[in-house]
């Protein structure tokens, strides 16, 4: 079982290096979609004196 885990870690490491060398975006082919954050300005009201 230890050998299987080491093989898996080696595989993941190899895939990460390959993707980084090709300059692929990290989210391309991702299983979970990420939404871009939106900045919404805050409108404040000043009190009349």
C-alpha atoms as a PDB file:
ATOM      1  CA  UNK A   1       0.000   0.000   0.000  1.00  0.00           C
ATOM      2  CA  UNK A   2       2.891   2.353   0.714  1.00  0.00           C
ATOM      3  CA  UNK A   3       4.197   1.775  -2.810  1.00  0.00           C
ATOM      4  CA  UNK A   4       0.778   2.581  -4.295  1.00  0.00           C
ATOM      5  CA  UNK A   5       0.616   5.859  -2.392  1.00  0.00           C
ATOM      6  CA  UNK A   6       4.117   6.787  -3.536  1.00  0.00           C
ATOM      7  CA  UNK A   7       3.167   5.989  -7.146  1.00  0.00           C
ATOM      8  CA  UNK A   8       0.106   8.217  -6.801  1.00  0.00           C
ATOM      9  CA  UNK A   9       2.131  11.102  -5.344  1.00  0.00           C
ATOM     10  CA  UNK A  10       4.656  10.750  -8.174  1.00  0.00           C
ATOM     11  CA  UNK A  11       1.847  10.826 -10.739  1.00  0.00           C
ATOM     12  CA  UNK A  12       0.281  13.973  -9.242  1.00  0.00           C
ATOM     13  CA  UNK A  13       3.673  15.676  -9.059  1.00  0.00           C
ATOM     14  CA  UNK A  14       4.406  14.821 -12.707  1.00  0.00           C
ATOM     15  CA  UNK A  15       1.010  16.136 -13.829  1.00  0.00           C
ATOM     16  CA  UNK A  16       1.463  19.382 -11.908  1.00  0.00           C
ATOM     17  CA  UNK A  17       4.896  19.998 -13.416  1.00  0.00           C
ATOM     18  CA  UNK A  18       3.588  19.222 -16.915  1.00  0.00           C
ATOM     19  CA  UNK A  19       0.667  21.643 -16.543  1.00  0.00           C
ATOM     20  CA  UNK A  20       2.892  24.384 -15.130  1.00  0.00           C
ATOM     21  CA  UNK A  21       5.376  23.981 -17.991  1.00  0.00           C
ATOM     22  CA  UNK A  22       2.622  24.283 -20.582  1.00  0.00           C
ATOM     23  CA  UNK A  23       1.236  27.386 -18.881  1.00  0.00           C
ATOM     24  CA  UNK A  24      -2.301  26.063 -18.720  1.00  0.00           C
ATOM     25  CA  UNK A  25      -4.722  28.009 -16.541  1.00  0.00           C
ATOM     26  CA  UNK A  26      -5.260  26.316 -13.189  1.00  0.00           C
ATOM     27  CA  UNK A  27      -9.044  26.276 -13.626  1.00  0.00           C
ATOM     28  CA  UNK A  28      -9.103  24.734 -17.086  1.00  0.00           C
ATOM     29  CA  UNK A  29     -10.647  21.304 -16.785  1.00  0.00           C
ATOM     30  CA  UNK A  30     -11.526  21.873 -13.132  1.00  0.00           C
ATOM     31  CA  UNK A  31     -14.338  19.867 -11.597  1.00  0.00           C
ATOM     32  CA  UNK A  32     -15.735  22.822  -9.654  1.00  0.00           C
ATOM     33  CA  UNK A  33     -16.668  26.023 -11.452  1.00  0.00           C
ATOM     34  CA  UNK A  34     -15.449  29.222  -9.829  1.00  0.00           C
ATOM     35  CA  UNK A  35     -17.295  32.499 -10.171  1.00  0.00           C
ATOM     36  CA  UNK A  36     -15.394  35.731 -10.517  1.00  0.00           C
ATOM     37  CA  UNK A  37     -15.971  38.012  -7.523  1.00  0.00           C
ATOM     38  CA  UNK A  38     -17.960  41.185  -8.162  1.00  0.00           C
ATOM     39  CA  UNK A  39     -17.167  44.461  -6.472  1.00  0.00           C
ATOM     40  CA  UNK A  40     -20.305  46.381  -5.602  1.00  0.00           C
ATOM     41  CA  UNK A  41     -19.853  50.012  -4.513  1.00  0.00           C
ATOM     42  CA  UNK A  42     -21.486  50.979  -1.241  1.00  0.00           C
ATOM     43  CA  UNK A  43     -23.801  53.983  -1.463  1.00  0.00           C
ATOM     44  CA  UNK A  44     -24.043  55.941   1.758  1.00  0.00           C
ATOM     45  CA  UNK A  45     -26.520  58.666   2.564  1.00  0.00           C
ATOM     46  CA  UNK A  46     -25.424  61.703   4.492  1.00  0.00           C
ATOM     47  CA  UNK A  47     -27.779  62.946   7.176  1.00  0.00           C
ATOM     48  CA  UNK A  48     -29.234  66.424   6.699  1.00  0.00           C
ATOM     49  CA  UNK A  49     -28.689  68.720   9.657  1.00  0.00           C
END
